[in-house]
Each structure stands twice: as structure tokens, then as C-alpha cells.
PDB file of N, CA and C in Angstrom:
ATOM      1  N   MET A   1     250.473  66.311 240.898  1.00  0.00           N
ATOM      2  CA  MET A   1     251.750  66.442 240.234  1.00  0.00           C
ATOM      3  C   MET A   1     252.772  65.534 240.897  1.00  0.00           C
ATOM      4  N   GLY A   2     252.751  65.512 242.225  1.00  0.00           N
ATOM      5  CA  GLY A   2     253.698  64.670 242.930  1.00  0.00           C
ATOM      6  C   GLY A   2     253.526  63.197 242.614  1.00  0.00           C
ATOM      7  N   ILE A   3     252.285  62.768 242.557  1.00  0.00           N
ATOM      8  CA  ILE A   3     252.003  61.357 242.295  1.00  0.00           C
ATOM      9  C   ILE A   3     252.463  60.955 240.902  1.00  0.00           C
ATOM     10  N   THR A   4     252.371  61.861 239.947  1.00  0.00           N
ATOM     11  CA  THR A   4     252.803  61.525 238.591  1.00  0.00           C
ATOM     12  C   THR A   4     254.313  61.619 238.418  1.00  0.00           C
ATOM     13  N   CYS A   5     254.993  62.393 239.260  1.00  0.00           N
ATOM     14  CA  CYS A   5     256.440  62.568 239.112  1.00  0.00           C
ATOM     15  C   CYS A   5     257.272  61.562 239.897  1.00  0.00           C
ATOM     16  N   VAL A   6     256.817  61.132 241.055  1.00  0.00           N
ATOM     17  CA  VAL A   6     257.613  60.227 241.890  1.00  0.00           C
ATOM     18  C   VAL A   6     258.012  58.937 241.156  1.00  0.00           C
ATOM     19  N   PRO A   7     257.130  58.330 240.357  1.00  0.00           N
ATOM     20  CA  PRO A   7     257.541  57.096 239.661  1.00  0.00           C
ATOM     21  C   PRO A   7     258.696  57.281 238.664  1.00  0.00           C
ATOM     22  N   ALA A   8     259.097  58.498 238.403  1.00  0.00           N
ATOM     23  CA  ALA A   8     260.245  58.723 237.515  1.00  0.00           C
ATOM     24  C   ALA A   8     261.531  58.169 238.105  1.00  0.00           C
ATOM     25  N   ILE A   9     261.491  57.755 239.356  1.00  0.00           N
ATOM     26  CA  ILE A   9     262.672  57.129 239.949  1.00  0.00           C
ATOM     27  C   ILE A   9     262.980  55.795 239.249  1.00  0.00           C
ATOM     28  N   ILE A  10     261.969  55.192 238.656  1.00  0.00           N
ATOM     29  CA  ILE A  10     262.157  53.895 237.989  1.00  0.00           C
ATOM     30  C   ILE A  10     263.159  53.999 236.842  1.00  0.00           C
ATOM     31  N   PRO A  11     262.970  54.914 235.874  1.00  0.00           N
ATOM     32  CA  PRO A  11     263.982  54.986 234.810  1.00  0.00           C
ATOM     33  C   PRO A  11     265.353  55.454 235.300  1.00  0.00           C
ATOM     34  N   ALA A  12     265.396  56.119 236.437  1.00  0.00           N
ATOM     35  CA  ALA A  12     266.692  56.529 236.980  1.00  0.00           C
ATOM     36  C   ALA A  12     267.501  55.309 237.423  1.00  0.00           C
ATOM     37  N   CYS A  13     266.812  54.214 237.710  1.00  0.00           N
ATOM     38  CA  CYS A  13     267.476  53.016 238.245  1.00  0.00           C
ATOM     39  C   CYS A  13     267.465  51.829 237.285  1.00  0.00           C
ATOM     40  N   MET A  14     266.667  51.874 236.239  1.00  0.00           N
ATOM     41  CA  MET A  14     266.532  50.688 235.394  1.00  0.00           C
ATOM     42  C   MET A  14     267.757  50.496 234.491  1.00  0.00           C
ATOM     43  N   PRO A  15     267.926  49.296 233.984  1.00  0.00           N
ATOM     44  CA  PRO A  15     269.075  49.016 233.127  1.00  0.00           C
ATOM     45  C   PRO A  15     269.074  49.890 231.867  1.00  0.00           C
ATOM     46  N   LEU A  16     270.257  50.181 231.390  1.00  0.00           N
ATOM     47  CA  LEU A  16     270.386  51.012 230.193  1.00  0.00           C
ATOM     48  C   LEU A  16     269.683  50.386 228.994  1.00  0.00           C
ATOM     49  N   SER A  17     269.667  49.067 228.926  1.00  0.00           N
ATOM     50  CA  SER A  17     268.990  48.408 227.800  1.00  0.00           C
ATOM     51  C   SER A  17     267.495  48.736 227.794  1.00  0.00           C
ATOM     52  N   TRP A  18     266.896  48.898 228.955  1.00  0.00           N
ATOM     53  CA  TRP A  18     265.477  49.272 229.040  1.00  0.00           C
ATOM     54  C   TRP A  18     265.292  50.717 228.589  1.00  0.00           C
ATOM     55  N   ILE A  19     266.203  51.579 228.998  1.00  0.00           N
ATOM     56  CA  ILE A  19     266.126  52.981 228.560  1.00  0.00           C
ATOM     57  C   ILE A  19     266.234  53.044 227.047  1.00  0.00           C
ATOM     58  N   SER A  20     267.193  52.315 226.488  1.00  0.00           N
ATOM     59  CA  SER A  20     267.385  52.292 225.035  1.00  0.00           C
ATOM     60  C   SER A  20     266.158  51.737 224.327  1.00  0.00           C
ATOM     61  N   GLY A  21     265.611  50.650 224.868  1.00  0.00           N
ATOM     62  CA  GLY A  21     264.424  50.046 224.260  1.00  0.00           C
ATOM     63  C   GLY A  21     263.227  50.978 224.288  1.00  0.00           C
ATOM     64  N   THR A  22     263.045  51.669 225.400  1.00  0.00           N
ATOM     65  CA  THR A  22     261.936  52.621 225.510  1.00  0.00           C
ATOM     66  C   THR A  22     262.126  53.772 224.536  1.00  0.00           C
ATOM     67  N   HIS A  23     263.335  54.248 224.425  1.00  0.00           N
ATOM     68  CA  HIS A  23     263.668  55.337 223.494  1.00  0.00           C
ATOM     69  C   HIS A  23     263.285  54.947 222.066  1.00  0.00           C
ATOM     70  N   GLU A  24     263.660  53.736 221.666  1.00  0.00           N
ATOM     71  CA  GLU A  24     263.324  53.263 220.317  1.00  0.00           C
ATOM     72  C   GLU A  24     261.828  53.015 220.176  1.00  0.00           C
ATOM     73  N   TRP A  25     261.188  52.447 221.209  1.00  0.00           N
ATOM     74  CA  TRP A  25     259.745  52.175 221.177  1.00  0.00           C
ATOM     75  C   TRP A  25     258.944  53.459 220.985  1.00  0.00           C
ATOM     76  N   LEU A  26     259.432  54.562 221.574  1.00  0.00           N
ATOM     77  CA  LEU A  26     258.752  55.851 221.430  1.00  0.00           C
ATOM     78  C   LEU A  26     258.973  56.476 220.055  1.00  0.00           C
ATOM     79  N   GLY A  27     259.775  55.829 219.230  1.00  0.00           N
ATOM     80  CA  GLY A  27     260.024  56.341 217.887  1.00  0.00           C
ATOM     81  C   GLY A  27     261.095  57.419 217.837  1.00  0.00           C
ATOM     82  N   LEU A  28     261.962  57.440 218.848  1.00  0.00           N
ATOM     83  CA  LEU A  28     263.003  58.465 218.912  1.00  0.00           C
ATOM     84  C   LEU A  28     264.326  57.984 218.320  1.00  0.00           C
ATOM     85  N   GLY A  29     264.330  56.793 217.730  1.00  0.00           N
ATOM     86  CA  GLY A  29     265.544  56.263 217.120  1.00  0.00           C
ATOM     87  C   GLY A  29     266.425  55.561 218.134  1.00  0.00           C
ATOM     88  N   LYS A  30     267.647  55.283 217.697  1.00  0.00           N
ATOM     89  CA  LYS A  30     268.618  54.601 218.560  1.00  0.00           C
ATOM     90  C   LYS A  30     269.075  55.557 219.658  1.00  0.00           C
ATOM     91  N   PHE A  31     269.104  55.048 220.896  1.00  0.00           N
ATOM     92  CA  PHE A  31     269.552  55.866 222.021  1.00  0.00           C
ATOM     93  C   PHE A  31     271.052  56.123 221.871  1.00  0.00           C
ATOM     94  N   PRO A  32     271.487  57.375 222.042  1.00  0.00           N
ATOM     95  CA  PRO A  32     272.914  57.687 221.889  1.00  0.00           C
ATOM     96  C   PRO A  32     273.773  56.880 222.867  1.00  0.00           C
ATOM     97  N   GLU A  33     274.936  56.452 222.404  1.00  0.00           N
ATOM     98  CA  GLU A  33     275.825  55.635 223.233  1.00  0.00           C
ATOM     99  C   GLU A  33     276.804  56.463 224.057  1.00  0.00           C
ATOM    100  N   GLN A  34     276.779  57.769 223.932  1.00  0.00           N
ATOM    101  CA  GLN A  34     277.675  58.616 224.713  1.00  0.00           C
ATOM    102  C   GLN A  34     277.235  58.629 226.176  1.00  0.00           C
ATOM    103  N   PRO A  35     278.181  58.641 227.098  1.00  0.00           N
ATOM    104  CA  PRO A  35     277.838  58.650 228.527  1.00  0.00           C
ATOM    105  C   PRO A  35     276.951  59.822 228.940  1.00  0.00           C
ATOM    106  N   ILE A  36     277.072  60.966 228.269  1.00  0.00           N
ATOM    107  CA  ILE A  36     276.269  62.138 228.643  1.00  0.00           C
ATOM    108  C   ILE A  36     274.779  61.863 228.451  1.00  0.00           C
ATOM    109  N   ALA A  37     274.422  61.043 227.463  1.00  0.00           N
ATOM    110  CA  ALA A  37     273.001  60.740 227.217  1.00  0.00           C
ATOM    111  C   ALA A  37     272.416  59.947 228.379  1.00  0.00           C
ATOM    112  N   GLU A  38     273.154  58.950 228.843  1.00  0.00           N
ATOM    113  CA  GLU A  38     272.676  58.168 229.985  1.00  0.00           C
ATOM    114  C   GLU A  38     272.635  59.038 231.241  1.00  0.00           C
ATOM    115  N   TYR A  39     273.660  59.842 231.441  1.00  0.00           N
ATOM    116  CA  TYR A  39     273.709  60.748 232.593  1.00  0.00           C
ATOM    117  C   TYR A  39     272.499  61.674 232.608  1.00  0.00           C
ATOM    118  N   LEU A  40     272.169  62.254 231.461  1.00  0.00           N
ATOM    119  CA  LEU A  40     271.036  63.181 231.384  1.00  0.00           C
ATOM    120  C   LEU A  40     269.704  62.451 231.560  1.00  0.00           C
ATOM    121  N   ALA A  41     269.569  61.274 230.982  1.00  0.00           N
ATOM    122  CA  ALA A  41     268.319  60.512 231.130  1.00  0.00           C
ATOM    123  C   ALA A  41     268.081  60.133 232.591  1.00  0.00           C
ATOM    124  N   ARG A  42     269.121  59.628 233.233  1.00  0.00           N
ATOM    125  CA  ARG A  42     268.980  59.222 234.631  1.00  0.00           C
ATOM    126  C   ARG A  42     268.839  60.443 235.552  1.00  0.00           C
ATOM    127  N   GLY A  43     269.620  61.476 235.274  1.00  0.00           N
ATOM    128  CA  GLY A  43     269.560  62.683 236.098  1.00  0.00           C
ATOM    129  C   GLY A  43     268.215  63.373 236.005  1.00  0.00           C
ATOM    130  N   MET A  44     267.661  63.460 234.800  1.00  0.00           N
ATOM    131  CA  MET A  44     266.351  64.090 234.615  1.00  0.00           C
ATOM    132  C   MET A  44     265.269  63.286 235.327  1.00  0.00           C
ATOM    133  N   SER A  45     265.366  61.965 235.239  1.00  0.00           N
ATOM    134  CA  SER A  45     264.392  61.111 235.919  1.00  0.00           C
ATOM    135  C   SER A  45     264.488  61.271 237.437  1.00  0.00           C
ATOM    136  N   ALA A  46     265.706  61.281 237.949  1.00  0.00           N
ATOM    137  CA  ALA A  46     265.888  61.434 239.397  1.00  0.00           C
ATOM    138  C   ALA A  46     265.398  62.801 239.863  1.00  0.00           C
ATOM    139  N   LEU A  47     265.680  63.829 239.088  1.00  0.00           N
ATOM    140  CA  LEU A  47     265.225  65.174 239.451  1.00  0.00           C
ATOM    141  C   LEU A  47     263.706  65.261 239.439  1.00  0.00           C
ATOM    142  N   CYS A  48     263.083  64.629 238.463  1.00  0.00           N
ATOM    143  CA  CYS A  48     261.618  64.606 238.388  1.00  0.00           C
ATOM    144  C   CYS A  48     261.038  63.888 239.605  1.00  0.00           C
ATOM    145  N   ALA A  49     261.649  62.775 240.001  1.00  0.00           N
ATOM    146  CA  ALA A  49     261.178  62.038 241.179  1.00  0.00           C
ATOM    147  C   ALA A  49     261.350  62.884 242.442  1.00  0.00           C
ATOM    148  N   PHE A  50     262.484  63.558 242.557  1.00  0.00           N
ATOM    149  CA  PHE A  50     262.713  64.446 243.699  1.00  0.00           C
ATOM    150  C   PHE A  50     261.648  65.539 243.748  1.00  0.00           C
ATOM    151  N   TYR A  51     261.383  66.153 242.610  1.00  0.00           N
ATOM    152  CA  TYR A  51     260.375  67.212 242.542  1.00  0.00           C
ATOM    153  C   TYR A  51     259.006  66.679 242.972  1.00  0.00           C
ATOM    154  N   GLY A  52     258.648  65.491 242.507  1.00  0.00           N
ATOM    155  CA  GLY A  52     257.372  64.903 242.900  1.00  0.00           C
ATOM    156  C   GLY A  52     257.278  64.707 244.397  1.00  0.00           C
ATOM    157  N   GLY A  53     258.356  64.229 244.996  1.00  0.00           N
ATOM    158  CA  GLY A  53     258.380  64.064 246.450  1.00  0.00           C
ATOM    159  C   GLY A  53     258.258  65.392 247.170  1.00  0.00           C
ATOM    160  N   LEU A  54     258.940  66.398 246.663  1.00  0.00           N
ATOM    161  CA  LEU A  54     258.869  67.735 247.261  1.00  0.00           C
ATOM    162  C   LEU A  54     257.444  68.282 247.200  1.00  0.00           C
ATOM    163  N   VAL A  55     256.796  68.118 246.075  1.00  0.00           N
ATOM    164  CA  VAL A  55     255.417  68.596 245.926  1.00  0.00           C
ATOM    165  C   VAL A  55     254.497  67.875 246.910  1.00  0.00           C
ATOM    166  N   LEU A  56     254.703  66.591 247.111  1.00  0.00           N
ATOM    167  CA  LEU A  56     253.884  65.854 248.074  1.00  0.00           C
ATOM    168  C   LEU A  56     254.107  66.375 249.490  1.00  0.00           C
ATOM    169  N   VAL A  57     255.350  66.679 249.842  1.00  0.00           N
ATOM    170  CA  VAL A  57     255.643  67.242 251.170  1.00  0.00           C
ATOM    171  C   VAL A  57     254.987  68.609 251.319  1.00  0.00           C
ATOM    172  N   LEU A  58     255.105  69.455 250.303  1.00  0.00           N
ATOM    173  CA  LEU A  58     254.504  70.800 250.361  1.00  0.00           C
ATOM    174  C   LEU A  58     252.987  70.723 250.490  1.00  0.00           C
ATOM    175  N   SER A  59     252.388  69.742 249.869  1.00  0.00           N
ATOM    176  CA  SER A  59     250.924  69.639 249.875  1.00  0.00           C
ATOM    177  C   SER A  59     250.362  69.248 251.245  1.00  0.00           C
ATOM    178  N   ARG A  60     251.206  68.811 252.133  1.00  0.00           N
ATOM    179  CA  ARG A  60     250.734  68.402 253.467  1.00  0.00           C
ATOM    180  C   ARG A  60     250.364  69.592 254.343  1.00  0.00           C
ATOM    181  N   ASP A  61     250.922  70.790 254.033  1.00  0.00           N
ATOM    182  CA  ASP A  61     250.611  71.990 254.812  1.00  0.00           C
ATOM    183  C   ASP A  61     250.635  73.194 253.869  1.00  0.00           C
ATOM    184  N   VAL A  62     249.596  73.312 253.068  1.00  0.00           N
ATOM    185  CA  VAL A  62     249.546  74.336 252.023  1.00  0.00           C
ATOM    186  C   VAL A  62     249.675  75.752 252.578  1.00  0.00           C
ATOM    187  N   PRO A  63     248.933  76.140 253.602  1.00  0.00           N
ATOM    188  CA  PRO A  63     249.084  77.521 254.087  1.00  0.00           C
ATOM    189  C   PRO A  63     250.520  77.857 254.499  1.00  0.00           C
ATOM    190  N   ARG A  64     251.172  76.941 255.155  1.00  0.00           N
ATOM    191  CA  ARG A  64     252.547  77.178 255.605  1.00  0.00           C
ATOM    192  C   ARG A  64     253.516  77.295 254.438  1.00  0.00           C
ATOM    193  N   HIS A  65     253.329  76.486 253.407  1.00  0.00           N
ATOM    194  CA  HIS A  65     254.253  76.436 252.275  1.00  0.00           C
ATOM    195  C   HIS A  65     253.766  77.231 251.066  1.00  0.00           C
ATOM    196  N   LEU A  66     252.777  78.066 251.261  1.00  0.00           N
ATOM    197  CA  LEU A  66     252.179  78.792 250.140  1.00  0.00           C
ATOM    198  C   LEU A  66     253.192  79.565 249.295  1.00  0.00           C
ATOM    199  N   PRO A  67     254.155  80.291 249.862  1.00  0.00           N
ATOM    200  CA  PRO A  67     255.113  80.991 249.002  1.00  0.00           C
ATOM    201  C   PRO A  67     255.920  80.056 248.093  1.00  0.00           C
ATOM    202  N   ILE A  68     256.296  78.896 248.599  1.00  0.00           N
ATOM    203  CA  ILE A  68     257.058  77.937 247.783  1.00  0.00           C
ATOM    204  C   ILE A  68     256.152  77.330 246.713  1.00  0.00           C
ATOM    205  N   ILE A  69     254.933  77.013 247.086  1.00  0.00           N
ATOM    206  CA  ILE A  69     253.972  76.451 246.126  1.00  0.00           C
ATOM    207  C   ILE A  69     253.723  77.454 245.001  1.00  0.00           C
ATOM    208  N   ARG A  70     253.527  78.706 245.360  1.00  0.00           N
ATOM    209  CA  ARG A  70     253.282  79.738 244.357  1.00  0.00           C
ATOM    210  C   ARG A  70     254.511  79.916 243.452  1.00  0.00           C
ATOM    211  N   TYR A  71     255.701  79.927 244.073  1.00  0.00           N
ATOM    212  CA  TYR A  71     256.929  80.084 243.290  1.00  0.00           C
ATOM    213  C   TYR A  71     257.063  78.973 242.251  1.00  0.00           C
ATOM    214  N   GLN A  72     256.901  77.727 242.660  1.00  0.00           N
ATOM    215  CA  GLN A  72     257.088  76.642 241.701  1.00  0.00           C
ATOM    216  C   GLN A  72     256.006  76.656 240.622  1.00  0.00           C
ATOM    217  N   ALA A  73     254.791  77.052 240.974  1.00  0.00           N
ATOM    218  CA  ALA A  73     253.730  77.148 239.966  1.00  0.00           C
ATOM    219  C   ALA A  73     254.023  78.273 238.975  1.00  0.00           C
ATOM    220  N   LEU A  74     254.443  79.423 239.476  1.00  0.00           N
ATOM    221  CA  LEU A  74     254.815  80.539 238.589  1.00  0.00           C
ATOM    222  C   LEU A  74     255.965  80.149 237.670  1.00  0.00           C
ATOM    223  N   PHE A  75     256.993  79.552 238.256  1.00  0.00           N
ATOM    224  CA  PHE A  75     258.152  79.144 237.468  1.00  0.00           C
ATOM    225  C   PHE A  75     257.743  78.211 236.338  1.00  0.00           C
ATOM    226  N   LEU A  76     256.959  77.183 236.658  1.00  0.00           N
ATOM    227  CA  LEU A  76     256.570  76.214 235.639  1.00  0.00           C
ATOM    228  C   LEU A  76     255.630  76.811 234.595  1.00  0.00           C
ATOM    229  N   CYS A  77     254.779  77.754 235.001  1.00  0.00           N
ATOM    230  CA  CYS A  77     253.887  78.395 234.029  1.00  0.00           C
ATOM    231  C   CYS A  77     254.675  79.187 232.981  1.00  0.00           C
ATOM    232  N   PHE A  78     255.852  79.655 233.340  1.00  0.00           N
ATOM    233  CA  PHE A  78     256.715  80.348 232.370  1.00  0.00           C
ATOM    234  C   PHE A  78     257.675  79.386 231.683  1.00  0.00           C
ATOM    235  N   ALA A  79     258.222  78.430 232.421  1.00  0.00           N
ATOM    236  CA  ALA A  79     259.234  77.530 231.879  1.00  0.00           C
ATOM    237  C   ALA A  79     258.654  76.498 230.910  1.00  0.00           C
ATOM    238  N   VAL A  80     257.459  76.013 231.172  1.00  0.00           N
ATOM    239  CA  VAL A  80     256.879  74.971 230.317  1.00  0.00           C
ATOM    240  C   VAL A  80     256.700  75.456 228.873  1.00  0.00           C
ATOM    241  N   PRO A  81     256.088  76.628 228.629  1.00  0.00           N
ATOM    242  CA  PRO A  81     255.979  77.081 227.234  1.00  0.00           C
ATOM    243  C   PRO A  81     257.342  77.329 226.583  1.00  0.00           C
ATOM    244  N   LEU A  82     258.285  77.867 227.338  1.00  0.00           N
ATOM    245  CA  LEU A  82     259.621  78.095 226.787  1.00  0.00           C
ATOM    246  C   LEU A  82     260.278  76.779 226.401  1.00  0.00           C
ATOM    247  N   GLY A  83     260.178  75.785 227.284  1.00  0.00           N
ATOM    248  CA  GLY A  83     260.726  74.466 226.991  1.00  0.00           C
ATOM    249  C   GLY A  83     260.037  73.810 225.810  1.00  0.00           C
ATOM    250  N   LEU A  84     258.741  73.987 225.711  1.00  0.00           N
ATOM    251  CA  LEU A  84     257.984  73.424 224.592  1.00  0.00           C
ATOM    252  C   LEU A  84     258.509  73.967 223.269  1.00  0.00           C
ATOM    253  N   PHE A  85     258.635  75.281 223.165  1.00  0.00           N
ATOM    254  CA  PHE A  85     259.112  75.877 221.917  1.00  0.00           C
ATOM    255  C   PHE A  85     260.560  75.503 221.626  1.00  0.00           C
ATOM    256  N   ALA A  86     261.411  75.492 222.647  1.00  0.00           N
ATOM    257  CA  ALA A  86     262.817  75.127 222.442  1.00  0.00           C
ATOM    258  C   ALA A  86     262.936  73.687 221.961  1.00  0.00           C
ATOM    259  N   ASN A  87     262.167  72.783 222.565  1.00  0.00           N
ATOM    260  CA  ASN A  87     262.256  71.374 222.191  1.00  0.00           C
ATOM    261  C   ASN A  87     261.603  71.087 220.844  1.00  0.00           C
ATOM    262  N   LEU A  88     260.553  71.824 220.497  1.00  0.00           N
ATOM    263  CA  LEU A  88     259.978  71.689 219.156  1.00  0.00           C
ATOM    264  C   LEU A  88     260.993  72.132 218.111  1.00  0.00           C
ATOM    265  N   LYS A  89     261.718  73.190 218.411  1.00  0.00           N
ATOM    266  CA  LYS A  89     262.750  73.701 217.492  1.00  0.00           C
ATOM    267  C   LYS A  89     263.853  72.664 217.276  1.00  0.00           C
ATOM    268  N   LEU A  90     264.129  71.854 218.297  1.00  0.00           N
ATOM    269  CA  LEU A  90     265.141  70.798 218.183  1.00  0.00           C
ATOM    270  C   LEU A  90     264.660  69.624 217.343  1.00  0.00           C
ATOM    271  N   GLY A  91     263.346  69.581 217.083  1.00  0.00           N
ATOM    272  CA  GLY A  91     262.805  68.504 216.273  1.00  0.00           C
ATOM    273  C   GLY A  91     262.287  67.315 217.057  1.00  0.00           C
ATOM    274  N   LEU A  92     262.124  67.478 218.360  1.00  0.00           N
ATOM    275  CA  LEU A  92     261.552  66.384 219.153  1.00  0.00           C
ATOM    276  C   LEU A  92     260.081  66.205 218.780  1.00  0.00           C
ATOM    277  N   PRO A  93     259.548  64.993 218.905  1.00  0.00           N
ATOM    278  CA  PRO A  93     258.161  64.731 218.497  1.00  0.00           C
ATOM    279  C   PRO A  93     257.153  65.623 219.236  1.00  0.00           C
ATOM    280  N   ALA A  94     256.378  66.345 218.474  1.00  0.00           N
ATOM    281  CA  ALA A  94     255.423  67.303 219.028  1.00  0.00           C
ATOM    282  C   ALA A  94     254.394  66.641 219.937  1.00  0.00           C
ATOM    283  N   LYS A  95     253.953  65.429 219.602  1.00  0.00           N
ATOM    284  CA  LYS A  95     252.894  64.804 220.409  1.00  0.00           C
ATOM    285  C   LYS A  95     253.356  64.553 221.847  1.00  0.00           C
ATOM    286  N   TYR A  96     254.606  64.164 222.043  1.00  0.00           N
ATOM    287  CA  TYR A  96     255.105  63.934 223.403  1.00  0.00           C
ATOM    288  C   TYR A  96     255.303  65.251 224.145  1.00  0.00           C
ATOM    289  N   LEU A  97     255.833  66.222 223.445  1.00  0.00           N
ATOM    290  CA  LEU A  97     256.057  67.527 224.072  1.00  0.00           C
ATOM    291  C   LEU A  97     254.743  68.189 224.450  1.00  0.00           C
ATOM    292  N   LEU A  98     253.753  68.090 223.575  1.00  0.00           N
ATOM    293  CA  LEU A  98     252.450  68.697 223.862  1.00  0.00           C
ATOM    294  C   LEU A  98     251.750  67.997 225.025  1.00  0.00           C
ATOM    295  N   MET A  99     251.842  66.667 225.075  1.00  0.00           N
ATOM    296  CA  MET A  99     251.233  65.947 226.200  1.00  0.00           C
ATOM    297  C   MET A  99     251.866  66.390 227.510  1.00  0.00           C
ATOM    298  N   ASP A 100     253.179  66.510 227.519  1.00  0.00           N
ATOM    299  CA  ASP A 100     253.891  66.928 228.719  1.00  0.00           C
ATOM    300  C   ASP A 100     253.507  68.350 229.104  1.00  0.00           C
ATOM    301  N   ALA A 101     253.512  69.261 228.134  1.00  0.00           N
ATOM    302  CA  ALA A 101     253.208  70.662 228.410  1.00  0.00           C
ATOM    303  C   ALA A 101     251.760  70.856 228.853  1.00  0.00           C
ATOM    304  N   ILE A 102     250.837  70.218 228.172  1.00  0.00           N
ATOM    305  CA  ILE A 102     249.422  70.348 228.526  1.00  0.00           C
ATOM    306  C   ILE A 102     249.169  69.769 229.919  1.00  0.00           C
ATOM    307  N   GLY A 103     249.781  68.630 230.208  1.00  0.00           N
ATOM    308  CA  GLY A 103     249.623  68.023 231.531  1.00  0.00           C
ATOM    309  C   GLY A 103     250.152  68.925 232.633  1.00  0.00           C
ATOM    310  N   ALA A 104     251.332  69.495 232.418  1.00  0.00           N
ATOM    311  CA  ALA A 104     251.919  70.377 233.434  1.00  0.00           C
ATOM    312  C   ALA A 104     251.081  71.636 233.617  1.00  0.00           C
ATOM    313  N   MET A 105     250.657  72.235 232.533  1.00  0.00           N
ATOM    314  CA  MET A 105     249.884  73.478 232.631  1.00  0.00           C
ATOM    315  C   MET A 105     248.489  73.223 233.200  1.00  0.00           C
ATOM    316  N   ALA A 106     247.920  72.060 232.910  1.00  0.00           N
ATOM    317  CA  ALA A 106     246.592  71.729 233.456  1.00  0.00           C
ATOM    318  C   ALA A 106     246.630  71.634 234.976  1.00  0.00           C
ATOM    319  N   ILE A 107     247.784  71.349 235.519  1.00  0.00           N
ATOM    320  CA  ILE A 107     247.924  71.290 236.972  1.00  0.00           C
ATOM    321  C   ILE A 107     248.425  72.622 237.521  1.00  0.00           C
ATOM    322  N   MET A 108     249.426  73.212 236.875  1.00  0.00           N
ATOM    323  CA  MET A 108     250.064  74.410 237.430  1.00  0.00           C
ATOM    324  C   MET A 108     249.194  75.665 237.366  1.00  0.00           C
ATOM    325  N   LEU A 109     248.434  75.851 236.311  1.00  0.00           N
ATOM    326  CA  LEU A 109     247.569  77.038 236.248  1.00  0.00           C
ATOM    327  C   LEU A 109     246.546  77.056 237.377  1.00  0.00           C
ATOM    328  N   PRO A 110     245.820  75.959 237.611  1.00  0.00           N
ATOM    329  CA  PRO A 110     244.902  75.965 238.763  1.00  0.00           C
ATOM    330  C   PRO A 110     245.624  76.143 240.102  1.00  0.00           C
ATOM    331  N   VAL A 111     246.793  75.535 240.254  1.00  0.00           N
ATOM    332  CA  VAL A 111     247.555  75.702 241.501  1.00  0.00           C
ATOM    333  C   VAL A 111     247.902  77.173 241.686  1.00  0.00           C
ATOM    334  N   LEU A 112     248.345  77.808 240.627  1.00  0.00           N
ATOM    335  CA  LEU A 112     248.709  79.228 240.703  1.00  0.00           C
ATOM    336  C   LEU A 112     247.487  80.090 241.055  1.00  0.00           C
ATOM    337  N   ILE A 113     246.392  79.869 240.372  1.00  0.00           N
ATOM    338  CA  ILE A 113     245.172  80.643 240.635  1.00  0.00           C
ATOM    339  C   ILE A 113     244.694  80.418 242.067  1.00  0.00           C
ATOM    340  N   LEU A 114     244.657  79.164 242.485  1.00  0.00           N
ATOM    341  CA  LEU A 114     244.198  78.863 243.848  1.00  0.00           C
ATOM    342  C   LEU A 114     245.154  79.407 244.908  1.00  0.00           C
ATOM    343  N   SER A 115     246.452  79.467 244.598  1.00  0.00           N
ATOM    344  CA  SER A 115     247.405  80.002 245.577  1.00  0.00           C
ATOM    345  C   SER A 115     247.140  81.482 245.837  1.00  0.00           C
ATOM    346  N   PHE A 116     246.754  82.213 244.799  1.00  0.00           N
ATOM    347  CA  PHE A 116     246.432  83.628 245.000  1.00  0.00           C
ATOM    348  C   PHE A 116     245.074  83.787 245.689  1.00  0.00           C
ATOM    349  N   ARG A 117     244.138  82.924 245.385  1.00  0.00           N
ATOM    350  CA  ARG A 117     242.842  82.977 246.068  1.00  0.00           C
ATOM    351  C   ARG A 117     242.991  82.662 247.550  1.00  0.00           C
ATOM    352  N   LEU A 118     243.828  81.700 247.862  1.00  0.00           N
ATOM    353  CA  LEU A 118     244.060  81.339 249.261  1.00  0.00           C
ATOM    354  C   LEU A 118     244.710  82.493 250.002  1.00  0.00           C
ATOM    355  N   LYS A 119     245.651  83.150 249.367  1.00  0.00           N
ATOM    356  CA  LYS A 119     246.315  84.293 249.999  1.00  0.00           C
ATOM    357  C   LYS A 119     245.283  85.396 250.273  1.00  0.00           C
ATOM    358  N   ASN A 120     244.422  85.679 249.307  1.00  0.00           N
ATOM    359  CA  ASN A 120     243.422  86.725 249.471  1.00  0.00           C
ATOM    360  C   ASN A 120     242.390  86.344 250.536  1.00  0.00           C
ATOM    361  N   ALA A 121     242.066  85.076 250.641  1.00  0.00           N
ATOM    362  CA  ALA A 121     241.088  84.618 251.630  1.00  0.00           C
ATOM    363  C   ALA A 121     241.644  84.727 253.050  1.00  0.00           C
ATOM    364  N   ARG A 122     242.967  84.625 253.185  1.00  0.00           N
ATOM    365  CA  ARG A 122     243.601  84.693 254.508  1.00  0.00           C
ATOM    366  C   ARG A 122     243.769  86.121 254.993  1.00  0.00           C
ATOM    367  N   GLN A 123     243.653  87.089 254.107  1.00  0.00           N
ATOM    368  CA  GLN A 123     243.893  88.493 254.514  1.00  0.00           C
ATOM    369  C   GLN A 123     242.671  89.136 255.100  1.00  0.00           C
TER     370      GLN A 123
END
């Protein structure tokens, strides 16, 4: 998860014209010209990169960070389906949302299951 999230720092720093071009290339139409759209695009990318870095740090000592690892896996296992349904309701393209949700759940469910197995193995 960390390896896939850290590169999100790139769109946080790239020129707005690249963000706009990517938005149109993905079939999402013209990128909104309001400052809030750029703020949210860059902020979401930076937050994703931060999260990826955090996951990489946590993975260096799993037993020590097990409560945090379990918390983030639990949170995402609940938040991802909620976000999927909310964003589908907004009319965002289902194929992108499903790829994102399936990718996150394919990683988070095993992490969650293994975190409980590790806890039980240590007792």
C-alpha cells in the first residue's frame, strides 16, 4: 500500500495544466477552474503520499505498531465501501471507483486478518 501511495506526491507538485490534462484524459471533462478544485486535488495527493510513507514506516516493525496497523486497516475496510457508494451517487465513473475500492480492499482485508492472527499468535 505504501509503495502505491507514495508516488501521489507527483500530482501534488505537478503543474495545473498537467492535472487538467489528466482530468480530461480520464474522461472526467474540463477540470474546474475554481481554486478549491486545485486545492483538493493537490491536498488529496499530498495526503495519499503521506499515508503511503506512514504505512512504510509502520511496516518496518509490525509487532510494535500492530495497534496502529489494525486501526488503519479497520478504518479503511469501513470507509472504502462508504466512499464507493457516496462517489457512485455523485456520478463519478464507476470503473475508476471500483478499481480504487477493489485495490484498497484487496490489501486491507488481508492486513486486517493477519493483524488479528499475529495478535493471537503472540498471546
